Amino acid sequence: QYGNGNWHSSWKTTGPVLMAKADYLQNLLEQYGFGDKYLINSEVALLCGSTGNEDMCKTQDFASTKADYVAQAYVAALAQGLRANIWYSLIGWRGSALTDRNLQPLLAYQAYRFAAEQLGRAVYEGKITEYPNLIGFRFNRVEDRLWVLWALDDETHELRLPDMPSAIYDSLGSPQPVAQELMITHAPIYLQWQP
């Protein structure tokens, strides 16, 4: 679970805060006749506690949430049309690290690497709106189609896909069983279809 009260965004309503910020800035630029300007996000991260050394920031739950957030943030940035989305710091601040102090990869680094592999050549096609309480995005790539989906609540949602995907991965890049009927949770999944 994550949120940003300043932007009225959270894991269960809007997804990553960068979406609310980008919408606001894009609308403001359009109001003043500068709608053609592009945006970059120079600092994206998921912070924990006041120092990042609190017990809750050292749990597996936080590590998994941060990894999921990495996937969500990079998918959302591409969907928002951002030219860049830069993770705050490799060794982090307030629990936001992708690696430990010895540069050993954390779960968030695995999610970052997999997101880069999946989204590096993806072209945003549109938001997936057919499924209640889910947020998702469609992408096209030269070799296949890609969807990324997750739930906006703590529930598990049954989903029947329009056709059988060729591969399914979790946010860390671990292969999942391929099926047309899926159970979707707050953890993002990548679904691929061959053309």
N, C-alpha and C. Protein backbone atom coordinates (compact mmCIF):
# COMPACT_ATOMS: atom_id res chain seq x y z
N GLN A 1 0.85 -1.18 0.00
CA GLN A 1 0.00 0.00 0.00
C GLN A 1 0.88 1.23 0.00
N TYR A 2 0.53 2.21 -0.80
CA TYR A 2 1.27 3.45 -0.85
C TYR A 2 0.30 4.58 -1.16
N GLY A 3 0.73 5.80 -0.94
CA GLY A 3 -0.12 6.94 -1.25
C GLY A 3 0.63 8.25 -1.12
N ASN A 4 0.01 9.31 -1.64
CA ASN A 4 0.54 10.66 -1.53
C ASN A 4 -0.64 11.59 -1.30
N GLY A 5 -0.82 11.99 -0.05
CA GLY A 5 -1.94 12.85 0.32
C GLY A 5 -1.93 14.19 -0.38
N ASN A 6 -0.76 14.71 -0.69
CA ASN A 6 -0.67 16.02 -1.38
C ASN A 6 -1.31 15.98 -2.76
N TRP A 7 -1.32 14.80 -3.38
CA TRP A 7 -1.84 14.65 -4.74
C TRP A 7 -3.09 13.77 -4.78
N HIS A 8 -3.64 13.46 -3.60
CA HIS A 8 -4.86 12.65 -3.51
C HIS A 8 -4.73 11.38 -4.35
N SER A 9 -3.59 10.73 -4.23
CA SER A 9 -3.38 9.51 -5.00
C SER A 9 -3.00 8.39 -4.05
N SER A 10 -3.37 7.18 -4.43
CA SER A 10 -2.99 6.02 -3.63
C SER A 10 -3.06 4.77 -4.49
N TRP A 11 -2.54 3.69 -3.95
CA TRP A 11 -2.51 2.41 -4.63
C TRP A 11 -3.90 1.93 -4.98
N LYS A 12 -4.93 2.36 -4.22
CA LYS A 12 -6.28 1.83 -4.44
C LYS A 12 -7.21 2.78 -5.19
N THR A 13 -6.69 3.92 -5.63
CA THR A 13 -7.56 4.85 -6.38
C THR A 13 -6.97 5.25 -7.72
N THR A 14 -5.74 5.69 -7.71
CA THR A 14 -5.17 6.25 -8.94
C THR A 14 -3.96 5.51 -9.47
N GLY A 15 -3.32 4.73 -8.61
CA GLY A 15 -2.03 4.16 -8.98
C GLY A 15 -0.92 5.14 -8.61
N PRO A 16 0.27 5.00 -9.19
CA PRO A 16 1.40 5.84 -8.81
C PRO A 16 1.09 7.33 -8.92
N VAL A 17 1.65 8.10 -7.98
CA VAL A 17 1.38 9.54 -7.91
C VAL A 17 1.81 10.27 -9.18
N LEU A 18 2.78 9.74 -9.90
CA LEU A 18 3.24 10.43 -11.11
C LEU A 18 2.12 10.64 -12.11
N MET A 19 1.09 9.79 -12.06
CA MET A 19 -0.04 9.94 -12.98
C MET A 19 -0.82 11.22 -12.66
N ALA A 20 -1.08 11.45 -11.37
CA ALA A 20 -1.79 12.66 -10.96
C ALA A 20 -0.97 13.90 -11.26
N LYS A 21 0.32 13.84 -11.00
CA LYS A 21 1.20 14.98 -11.27
C LYS A 21 1.28 15.28 -12.77
N ALA A 22 1.46 14.24 -13.57
CA ALA A 22 1.55 14.44 -15.02
C ALA A 22 0.25 15.00 -15.58
N ASP A 23 -0.90 14.46 -15.14
CA ASP A 23 -2.20 15.00 -15.59
C ASP A 23 -2.32 16.47 -15.27
N TYR A 24 -1.96 16.84 -14.05
CA TYR A 24 -2.05 18.24 -13.63
C TYR A 24 -1.16 19.14 -14.51
N LEU A 25 0.09 18.74 -14.68
CA LEU A 25 1.01 19.56 -15.47
C LEU A 25 0.61 19.63 -16.94
N GLN A 26 0.17 18.51 -17.50
CA GLN A 26 -0.25 18.51 -18.90
C GLN A 26 -1.47 19.42 -19.10
N ASN A 27 -2.43 19.38 -18.17
CA ASN A 27 -3.60 20.26 -18.26
C ASN A 27 -3.20 21.72 -18.11
N LEU A 28 -2.28 22.01 -17.19
CA LEU A 28 -1.82 23.38 -16.99
C LEU A 28 -1.10 23.90 -18.23
N LEU A 29 -0.23 23.09 -18.80
CA LEU A 29 0.48 23.50 -20.02
C LEU A 29 -0.50 23.75 -21.17
N GLU A 30 -1.50 22.91 -21.32
CA GLU A 30 -2.50 23.11 -22.37
C GLU A 30 -3.29 24.40 -22.15
N GLN A 31 -3.63 24.71 -20.90
CA GLN A 31 -4.36 25.94 -20.59
C GLN A 31 -3.62 27.17 -21.07
N TYR A 32 -2.30 27.15 -20.99
CA TYR A 32 -1.49 28.30 -21.36
C TYR A 32 -0.88 28.18 -22.76
N GLY A 33 -1.38 27.22 -23.54
CA GLY A 33 -0.95 27.12 -24.92
C GLY A 33 0.36 26.39 -25.15
N PHE A 34 0.79 25.63 -24.19
CA PHE A 34 2.05 24.90 -24.32
C PHE A 34 1.84 23.39 -24.23
N GLY A 35 0.73 22.91 -24.74
CA GLY A 35 0.40 21.49 -24.68
C GLY A 35 1.35 20.58 -25.43
N ASP A 36 2.19 21.15 -26.29
CA ASP A 36 3.14 20.34 -27.05
C ASP A 36 4.44 20.08 -26.29
N LYS A 37 4.59 20.65 -25.11
CA LYS A 37 5.80 20.45 -24.32
C LYS A 37 5.78 19.05 -23.71
N TYR A 38 6.92 18.41 -23.67
CA TYR A 38 6.98 17.08 -23.07
C TYR A 38 7.40 17.20 -21.60
N LEU A 39 7.15 16.12 -20.87
CA LEU A 39 7.48 16.07 -19.45
C LEU A 39 8.47 14.94 -19.18
N ILE A 40 9.29 15.15 -18.15
CA ILE A 40 10.11 14.08 -17.60
C ILE A 40 9.86 14.04 -16.09
N ASN A 41 10.03 12.89 -15.52
CA ASN A 41 9.94 12.74 -14.07
C ASN A 41 11.36 12.49 -13.59
N SER A 42 11.95 13.47 -12.94
CA SER A 42 13.36 13.38 -12.56
C SER A 42 13.58 12.61 -11.26
N GLU A 43 12.52 12.35 -10.49
CA GLU A 43 12.68 11.59 -9.25
C GLU A 43 11.43 10.77 -8.99
N VAL A 44 11.50 9.47 -9.22
CA VAL A 44 10.41 8.57 -8.85
C VAL A 44 10.98 7.60 -7.83
N ALA A 45 10.21 7.32 -6.78
CA ALA A 45 10.65 6.39 -5.75
C ALA A 45 9.47 6.06 -4.85
N LEU A 46 9.63 5.02 -4.08
CA LEU A 46 8.68 4.69 -3.02
C LEU A 46 9.45 4.81 -1.72
N LEU A 47 9.06 5.79 -0.91
CA LEU A 47 9.74 6.06 0.35
C LEU A 47 9.06 5.32 1.50
N CYS A 48 9.84 5.05 2.55
CA CYS A 48 9.30 4.35 3.72
C CYS A 48 9.82 5.02 4.98
N GLY A 49 8.91 5.35 5.89
CA GLY A 49 9.29 5.92 7.18
C GLY A 49 9.97 7.27 7.04
N SER A 50 10.57 7.72 8.13
CA SER A 50 11.26 9.02 8.08
C SER A 50 12.73 8.87 7.75
N THR A 51 13.28 7.65 7.94
CA THR A 51 14.69 7.43 7.62
C THR A 51 14.90 6.24 6.70
N GLY A 52 13.91 5.34 6.63
CA GLY A 52 14.07 4.10 5.89
C GLY A 52 14.69 3.00 6.73
N ASN A 53 15.08 3.31 7.96
CA ASN A 53 15.67 2.32 8.85
C ASN A 53 14.67 1.72 9.81
N GLU A 54 13.42 2.16 9.76
CA GLU A 54 12.39 1.62 10.63
C GLU A 54 12.15 0.15 10.29
N ASP A 55 11.68 -0.61 11.27
CA ASP A 55 11.45 -2.05 11.09
C ASP A 55 10.54 -2.33 9.90
N MET A 56 9.48 -1.52 9.72
CA MET A 56 8.53 -1.78 8.62
C MET A 56 9.20 -1.63 7.26
N CYS A 57 10.27 -0.86 7.19
CA CYS A 57 10.97 -0.64 5.92
C CYS A 57 11.92 -1.77 5.58
N LYS A 58 12.13 -2.68 6.51
CA LYS A 58 13.04 -3.79 6.29
C LYS A 58 12.31 -5.11 6.11
N THR A 59 11.01 -5.05 5.90
CA THR A 59 10.20 -6.26 5.77
C THR A 59 10.14 -6.74 4.32
N GLN A 60 9.79 -8.00 4.17
CA GLN A 60 9.56 -8.56 2.83
C GLN A 60 8.37 -7.87 2.17
N ASP A 61 7.37 -7.50 2.98
CA ASP A 61 6.19 -6.83 2.45
C ASP A 61 6.56 -5.50 1.78
N PHE A 62 7.43 -4.70 2.43
CA PHE A 62 7.85 -3.45 1.82
C PHE A 62 8.68 -3.71 0.56
N ALA A 63 9.57 -4.70 0.62
CA ALA A 63 10.40 -5.03 -0.55
C ALA A 63 9.53 -5.42 -1.74
N SER A 64 8.49 -6.22 -1.50
CA SER A 64 7.57 -6.63 -2.57
C SER A 64 6.75 -5.46 -3.08
N THR A 65 6.27 -4.62 -2.15
CA THR A 65 5.49 -3.44 -2.55
C THR A 65 6.33 -2.51 -3.41
N LYS A 66 7.59 -2.30 -3.02
CA LYS A 66 8.47 -1.42 -3.79
C LYS A 66 8.72 -2.00 -5.19
N ALA A 67 8.91 -3.30 -5.28
CA ALA A 67 9.12 -3.94 -6.59
C ALA A 67 7.88 -3.76 -7.46
N ASP A 68 6.70 -3.96 -6.89
CA ASP A 68 5.46 -3.75 -7.64
C ASP A 68 5.32 -2.30 -8.07
N TYR A 69 5.70 -1.39 -7.17
CA TYR A 69 5.61 0.04 -7.48
C TYR A 69 6.53 0.42 -8.65
N VAL A 70 7.71 -0.17 -8.68
CA VAL A 70 8.63 0.08 -9.80
C VAL A 70 7.94 -0.25 -11.11
N ALA A 71 7.35 -1.44 -11.20
CA ALA A 71 6.65 -1.84 -12.42
C ALA A 71 5.51 -0.87 -12.73
N GLN A 72 4.70 -0.56 -11.74
CA GLN A 72 3.56 0.34 -11.95
C GLN A 72 4.01 1.73 -12.40
N ALA A 73 5.06 2.23 -11.77
CA ALA A 73 5.54 3.58 -12.10
C ALA A 73 6.07 3.68 -13.53
N TYR A 74 6.79 2.68 -13.98
CA TYR A 74 7.34 2.75 -15.34
C TYR A 74 6.27 2.51 -16.40
N VAL A 75 5.32 1.65 -16.12
CA VAL A 75 4.19 1.46 -17.03
C VAL A 75 3.38 2.76 -17.11
N ALA A 76 3.09 3.36 -15.95
CA ALA A 76 2.30 4.60 -15.90
C ALA A 76 3.03 5.74 -16.61
N ALA A 77 4.34 5.84 -16.43
CA ALA A 77 5.10 6.91 -17.07
C ALA A 77 5.02 6.81 -18.59
N LEU A 78 5.13 5.61 -19.11
CA LEU A 78 5.02 5.41 -20.55
C LEU A 78 3.61 5.75 -21.03
N ALA A 79 2.61 5.34 -20.26
CA ALA A 79 1.22 5.64 -20.62
C ALA A 79 0.94 7.14 -20.57
N GLN A 80 1.59 7.86 -19.67
CA GLN A 80 1.39 9.31 -19.55
C GLN A 80 2.18 10.09 -20.60
N GLY A 81 3.03 9.40 -21.35
CA GLY A 81 3.80 10.07 -22.38
C GLY A 81 5.05 10.76 -21.88
N LEU A 82 5.51 10.42 -20.69
CA LEU A 82 6.73 11.04 -20.17
C LEU A 82 7.93 10.61 -21.01
N ARG A 83 8.83 11.53 -21.25
CA ARG A 83 10.04 11.22 -22.03
C ARG A 83 11.07 10.48 -21.20
N ALA A 84 11.02 10.66 -19.87
CA ALA A 84 11.94 9.97 -18.97
C ALA A 84 11.25 9.80 -17.62
N ASN A 85 11.65 8.76 -16.93
CA ASN A 85 11.14 8.48 -15.59
C ASN A 85 12.33 7.91 -14.82
N ILE A 86 12.96 8.71 -14.01
CA ILE A 86 14.25 8.37 -13.41
C ILE A 86 14.06 7.97 -11.96
N TRP A 87 14.44 6.71 -11.64
CA TRP A 87 14.36 6.27 -10.25
C TRP A 87 15.31 7.11 -9.44
N TYR A 88 14.87 7.51 -8.24
CA TYR A 88 15.59 8.52 -7.46
C TYR A 88 17.06 8.20 -7.27
N SER A 89 17.37 6.99 -6.82
CA SER A 89 18.77 6.69 -6.54
C SER A 89 18.97 5.18 -6.46
N LEU A 90 20.08 4.73 -6.96
CA LEU A 90 20.39 3.30 -6.93
C LEU A 90 20.46 2.78 -5.49
N ILE A 91 21.19 3.51 -4.62
CA ILE A 91 21.31 3.06 -3.24
C ILE A 91 20.30 3.73 -2.32
N GLY A 92 19.49 4.60 -2.89
CA GLY A 92 18.28 5.06 -2.24
C GLY A 92 18.38 6.03 -1.10
N TRP A 93 17.22 6.39 -0.64
CA TRP A 93 17.00 7.29 0.48
C TRP A 93 15.65 6.90 1.07
N ARG A 94 15.58 6.80 2.37
CA ARG A 94 14.34 6.43 3.06
C ARG A 94 13.73 5.13 2.51
N GLY A 95 14.59 4.15 2.28
CA GLY A 95 14.10 2.84 1.86
C GLY A 95 13.87 2.66 0.38
N SER A 96 14.20 3.64 -0.43
CA SER A 96 13.88 3.58 -1.86
C SER A 96 14.92 2.87 -2.72
N ALA A 97 15.93 2.29 -2.13
CA ALA A 97 17.06 1.71 -2.88
C ALA A 97 16.64 0.59 -3.83
N LEU A 98 17.37 0.51 -4.92
CA LEU A 98 17.26 -0.61 -5.85
C LEU A 98 18.29 -1.68 -5.53
N THR A 99 19.39 -1.27 -4.87
CA THR A 99 20.43 -2.21 -4.43
C THR A 99 20.76 -1.92 -2.97
N ASP A 100 21.44 -2.88 -2.34
CA ASP A 100 21.91 -2.59 -0.99
C ASP A 100 23.20 -1.77 -1.08
N ARG A 101 23.80 -1.46 0.04
CA ARG A 101 25.01 -0.62 0.07
C ARG A 101 26.20 -1.28 -0.64
N ASN A 102 26.16 -2.61 -0.78
CA ASN A 102 27.22 -3.34 -1.49
C ASN A 102 26.88 -3.54 -2.96
N LEU A 103 25.85 -2.83 -3.43
CA LEU A 103 25.37 -2.88 -4.81
C LEU A 103 24.81 -4.24 -5.20
N GLN A 104 24.36 -5.00 -4.22
CA GLN A 104 23.68 -6.26 -4.50
C GLN A 104 22.21 -5.96 -4.81
N PRO A 105 21.67 -6.49 -5.91
CA PRO A 105 20.31 -6.16 -6.33
C PRO A 105 19.25 -6.57 -5.30
N LEU A 106 18.29 -5.67 -5.10
CA LEU A 106 17.10 -5.96 -4.29
C LEU A 106 15.97 -6.35 -5.25
N LEU A 107 14.84 -6.76 -4.70
CA LEU A 107 13.70 -7.11 -5.54
C LEU A 107 13.32 -5.95 -6.47
N ALA A 108 13.39 -4.73 -5.96
CA ALA A 108 13.05 -3.57 -6.78
C ALA A 108 13.94 -3.44 -8.00
N TYR A 109 15.21 -3.82 -7.87
CA TYR A 109 16.12 -3.80 -9.02
C TYR A 109 15.68 -4.82 -10.06
N GLN A 110 15.28 -6.00 -9.62
CA GLN A 110 14.80 -7.02 -10.55
C GLN A 110 13.58 -6.51 -11.31
N ALA A 111 12.68 -5.84 -10.59
CA ALA A 111 11.48 -5.28 -11.23
C ALA A 111 11.86 -4.17 -12.21
N TYR A 112 12.84 -3.35 -11.84
CA TYR A 112 13.32 -2.27 -12.70
C TYR A 112 13.91 -2.84 -13.99
N ARG A 113 14.75 -3.85 -13.83
CA ARG A 113 15.40 -4.46 -15.00
C ARG A 113 14.36 -5.09 -15.93
N PHE A 114 13.38 -5.80 -15.34
CA PHE A 114 12.38 -6.44 -16.18
C PHE A 114 11.48 -5.40 -16.86
N ALA A 115 11.12 -4.34 -16.15
CA ALA A 115 10.32 -3.27 -16.75
C ALA A 115 11.06 -2.65 -17.93
N ALA A 116 12.36 -2.44 -17.77
CA ALA A 116 13.15 -1.87 -18.86
C ALA A 116 13.16 -2.80 -20.07
N GLU A 117 13.29 -4.10 -19.84
CA GLU A 117 13.28 -5.07 -20.94
C GLU A 117 11.92 -5.08 -21.65
N GLN A 118 10.85 -5.04 -20.88
CA GLN A 118 9.52 -5.14 -21.45
C GLN A 118 9.04 -3.85 -22.12
N LEU A 119 9.40 -2.73 -21.53
CA LEU A 119 8.84 -1.45 -21.99
C LEU A 119 9.78 -0.67 -22.89
N GLY A 120 11.03 -1.09 -23.01
CA GLY A 120 12.01 -0.34 -23.78
C GLY A 120 11.64 -0.13 -25.23
N ARG A 121 10.90 -1.05 -25.81
CA ARG A 121 10.50 -0.92 -27.22
C ARG A 121 8.98 -0.92 -27.38
N ALA A 122 8.29 -0.64 -26.28
CA ALA A 122 6.83 -0.66 -26.30
C ALA A 122 6.26 0.70 -26.68
N VAL A 123 5.17 0.66 -27.42
CA VAL A 123 4.44 1.87 -27.81
C VAL A 123 3.07 1.81 -27.13
N TYR A 124 2.74 2.85 -26.39
CA TYR A 124 1.49 2.88 -25.65
C TYR A 124 0.31 2.92 -26.60
N GLU A 125 -0.66 2.03 -26.35
CA GLU A 125 -1.87 1.93 -27.19
C GLU A 125 -3.11 2.48 -26.50
N GLY A 126 -3.18 2.36 -25.17
CA GLY A 126 -4.35 2.86 -24.47
C GLY A 126 -4.55 2.18 -23.12
N LYS A 127 -5.46 2.75 -22.37
CA LYS A 127 -5.79 2.23 -21.04
C LYS A 127 -6.78 1.08 -21.18
N ILE A 128 -6.67 0.11 -20.31
CA ILE A 128 -7.61 -1.01 -20.26
C ILE A 128 -8.68 -0.64 -19.24
N THR A 129 -9.91 -0.48 -19.70
CA THR A 129 -10.99 -0.01 -18.84
C THR A 129 -12.14 -1.00 -18.72
N GLU A 130 -12.04 -2.15 -19.36
CA GLU A 130 -13.15 -3.10 -19.41
C GLU A 130 -13.41 -3.83 -18.10
N TYR A 131 -12.46 -3.80 -17.19
CA TYR A 131 -12.55 -4.65 -16.01
C TYR A 131 -12.65 -3.78 -14.75
N PRO A 132 -13.75 -3.89 -14.01
CA PRO A 132 -13.92 -3.08 -12.79
C PRO A 132 -12.84 -3.36 -11.76
N ASN A 133 -12.41 -2.31 -11.07
CA ASN A 133 -11.41 -2.38 -9.99
C ASN A 133 -10.02 -2.80 -10.44
N LEU A 134 -9.80 -2.81 -11.76
CA LEU A 134 -8.46 -3.09 -12.28
C LEU A 134 -7.96 -1.88 -13.03
N ILE A 135 -6.67 -1.72 -13.02
CA ILE A 135 -6.04 -0.69 -13.84
C ILE A 135 -5.08 -1.42 -14.77
N GLY A 136 -5.05 -1.00 -16.02
CA GLY A 136 -4.19 -1.68 -16.97
C GLY A 136 -3.91 -0.83 -18.19
N PHE A 137 -2.87 -1.23 -18.91
CA PHE A 137 -2.42 -0.48 -20.06
C PHE A 137 -2.02 -1.43 -21.17
N ARG A 138 -2.35 -1.04 -22.42
CA ARG A 138 -2.02 -1.83 -23.61
C ARG A 138 -0.82 -1.20 -24.31
N PHE A 139 0.07 -2.06 -24.76
CA PHE A 139 1.24 -1.61 -25.51
C PHE A 139 1.41 -2.49 -26.73
N ASN A 140 2.02 -1.93 -27.74
CA ASN A 140 2.35 -2.67 -28.95
C ASN A 140 3.87 -2.68 -29.06
N ARG A 141 4.39 -3.83 -29.45
CA ARG A 141 5.82 -3.95 -29.72
C ARG A 141 5.97 -4.60 -31.08
N VAL A 142 7.13 -4.51 -31.66
CA VAL A 142 7.34 -5.06 -32.99
C VAL A 142 6.99 -6.54 -33.03
N GLU A 143 7.40 -7.27 -31.99
CA GLU A 143 7.23 -8.73 -32.00
C GLU A 143 5.94 -9.21 -31.34
N ASP A 144 5.26 -8.38 -30.57
CA ASP A 144 4.06 -8.84 -29.88
C ASP A 144 3.25 -7.68 -29.29
N ARG A 145 2.15 -8.06 -28.65
CA ARG A 145 1.33 -7.11 -27.89
C ARG A 145 1.59 -7.35 -26.41
N LEU A 146 1.46 -6.31 -25.61
CA LEU A 146 1.73 -6.40 -24.18
C LEU A 146 0.64 -5.69 -23.40
N TRP A 147 0.14 -6.33 -22.37
CA TRP A 147 -0.74 -5.69 -21.39
C TRP A 147 -0.04 -5.75 -20.04
N VAL A 148 -0.26 -4.72 -19.22
CA VAL A 148 0.16 -4.76 -17.82
C VAL A 148 -1.06 -4.39 -16.99
N LEU A 149 -1.40 -5.26 -16.02
CA LEU A 149 -2.62 -5.12 -15.22
C LEU A 149 -2.33 -5.31 -13.74
N TRP A 150 -3.13 -4.63 -12.91
CA TRP A 150 -3.14 -4.90 -11.47
C TRP A 150 -4.45 -4.40 -10.87
N ALA A 151 -4.77 -4.88 -9.67
CA ALA A 151 -6.00 -4.50 -8.99
C ALA A 151 -5.79 -3.22 -8.18
N LEU A 152 -6.86 -2.43 -8.09
CA LEU A 152 -6.83 -1.20 -7.29
C LEU A 152 -7.43 -1.43 -5.91
N ASP A 153 -7.30 -2.63 -5.39
CA ASP A 153 -7.78 -2.92 -4.04
C ASP A 153 -7.07 -4.18 -3.55
N ASP A 154 -7.46 -4.64 -2.37
CA ASP A 154 -6.84 -5.83 -1.79
C ASP A 154 -7.54 -7.12 -2.18
N GLU A 155 -8.50 -7.02 -3.07
CA GLU A 155 -9.27 -8.19 -3.49
C GLU A 155 -8.56 -8.93 -4.62
N THR A 156 -8.95 -10.17 -4.80
CA THR A 156 -8.50 -10.95 -5.95
C THR A 156 -9.65 -10.97 -6.95
N HIS A 157 -9.36 -10.58 -8.18
CA HIS A 157 -10.40 -10.44 -9.21
C HIS A 157 -10.22 -11.50 -10.29
N GLU A 158 -11.32 -12.17 -10.60
CA GLU A 158 -11.31 -13.12 -11.71
C GLU A 158 -11.40 -12.34 -13.02
N LEU A 159 -10.62 -12.76 -13.98
CA LEU A 159 -10.57 -12.07 -15.25
C LEU A 159 -10.51 -13.09 -16.37
N ARG A 160 -11.38 -12.93 -17.34
CA ARG A 160 -11.31 -13.77 -18.55
C ARG A 160 -10.78 -12.91 -19.68
N LEU A 161 -9.64 -13.29 -20.20
CA LEU A 161 -9.00 -12.54 -21.28
C LEU A 161 -9.72 -12.81 -22.61
N PRO A 162 -9.64 -11.86 -23.55
CA PRO A 162 -10.29 -12.07 -24.84
C PRO A 162 -9.72 -13.25 -25.63
N ASP A 163 -8.43 -13.54 -25.43
CA ASP A 163 -7.82 -14.71 -26.06
C ASP A 163 -6.61 -15.14 -25.23
N MET A 164 -6.08 -16.29 -25.55
CA MET A 164 -5.00 -16.89 -24.77
C MET A 164 -3.69 -16.15 -25.00
N PRO A 165 -3.04 -15.65 -23.93
CA PRO A 165 -1.73 -15.01 -24.10
C PRO A 165 -0.66 -16.05 -24.38
N SER A 166 0.46 -15.60 -24.90
CA SER A 166 1.58 -16.52 -25.16
C SER A 166 2.51 -16.61 -23.95
N ALA A 167 2.50 -15.60 -23.07
CA ALA A 167 3.34 -15.62 -21.87
C ALA A 167 2.77 -14.67 -20.84
N ILE A 168 3.00 -14.99 -19.57
CA ILE A 168 2.59 -14.14 -18.45
C ILE A 168 3.75 -14.09 -17.46
N TYR A 169 4.06 -12.89 -16.95
CA TYR A 169 5.15 -12.71 -16.00
C TYR A 169 4.69 -11.84 -14.84
N ASP A 170 5.30 -12.06 -13.66
CA ASP A 170 5.05 -11.14 -12.55
C ASP A 170 5.98 -9.95 -12.68
N SER A 171 5.94 -9.03 -11.72
CA SER A 171 6.72 -7.80 -11.83
C SER A 171 8.23 -8.03 -11.77
N LEU A 172 8.66 -9.21 -11.29
CA LEU A 172 10.08 -9.52 -11.23
C LEU A 172 10.58 -10.23 -12.48
N GLY A 173 9.65 -10.58 -13.37
CA GLY A 173 10.02 -11.29 -14.58
C GLY A 173 9.92 -12.79 -14.45
N SER A 174 9.35 -13.27 -13.36
CA SER A 174 9.18 -14.72 -13.19
C SER A 174 7.99 -15.19 -14.02
N PRO A 175 8.18 -16.23 -14.85
CA PRO A 175 7.07 -16.75 -15.65
C PRO A 175 5.94 -17.28 -14.77
N GLN A 176 4.71 -17.01 -15.18
CA GLN A 176 3.52 -17.48 -14.49
C GLN A 176 2.78 -18.45 -15.42
N PRO A 177 1.92 -19.29 -14.86
CA PRO A 177 1.16 -20.20 -15.72
C PRO A 177 0.32 -19.43 -16.74
N VAL A 178 0.36 -19.88 -17.98
CA VAL A 178 -0.39 -19.22 -19.05
C VAL A 178 -1.81 -19.77 -19.04
N ALA A 179 -2.78 -18.85 -18.98
CA ALA A 179 -4.19 -19.23 -18.96
C ALA A 179 -5.01 -18.07 -19.50
N GLN A 180 -6.22 -18.36 -19.90
CA GLN A 180 -7.11 -17.31 -20.38
C GLN A 180 -7.94 -16.74 -19.23
N GLU A 181 -8.10 -17.53 -18.17
CA GLU A 181 -8.79 -17.06 -16.98
C GLU A 181 -7.76 -16.87 -15.88
N LEU A 182 -7.69 -15.65 -15.35
CA LEU A 182 -6.66 -15.29 -14.38
C LEU A 182 -7.26 -14.73 -13.11
N MET A 183 -6.46 -14.77 -12.05
CA MET A 183 -6.79 -14.12 -10.79
C MET A 183 -5.83 -12.94 -10.66
N ILE A 184 -6.39 -11.73 -10.63
CA ILE A 184 -5.57 -10.52 -10.60
C ILE A 184 -5.59 -9.92 -9.19
N THR A 185 -4.41 -9.59 -8.67
CA THR A 185 -4.28 -8.95 -7.36
C THR A 185 -3.65 -7.58 -7.54
N HIS A 186 -3.24 -6.97 -6.43
CA HIS A 186 -2.57 -5.66 -6.49
C HIS A 186 -1.17 -5.74 -7.10
N ALA A 187 -0.65 -6.95 -7.26
CA ALA A 187 0.68 -7.12 -7.86
C ALA A 187 0.56 -7.13 -9.38
N PRO A 188 1.28 -6.25 -10.07
CA PRO A 188 1.16 -6.18 -11.53
C PRO A 188 1.63 -7.45 -12.24
N ILE A 189 0.97 -7.74 -13.34
CA ILE A 189 1.41 -8.83 -14.21
C ILE A 189 1.55 -8.30 -15.64
N TYR A 190 2.48 -8.89 -16.36
CA TYR A 190 2.72 -8.59 -17.76
C TYR A 190 2.15 -9.74 -18.57
N LEU A 191 1.32 -9.43 -19.56
CA LEU A 191 0.74 -10.44 -20.44
C LEU A 191 1.18 -10.15 -21.87
N GLN A 192 1.67 -11.18 -22.55
CA GLN A 192 2.14 -11.01 -23.93
C GLN A 192 1.33 -11.87 -24.87
N TRP A 193 1.09 -11.32 -26.07
CA TRP A 193 0.44 -12.06 -27.16
C TRP A 193 1.31 -11.93 -28.40
N GLN A 194 1.52 -13.06 -29.06
CA GLN A 194 2.21 -13.03 -30.35
C GLN A 194 1.23 -12.51 -31.40
N PRO A 195 1.72 -11.83 -32.43
CA PRO A 195 0.81 -11.29 -33.45
C PRO A 195 0.08 -12.39 -34.22
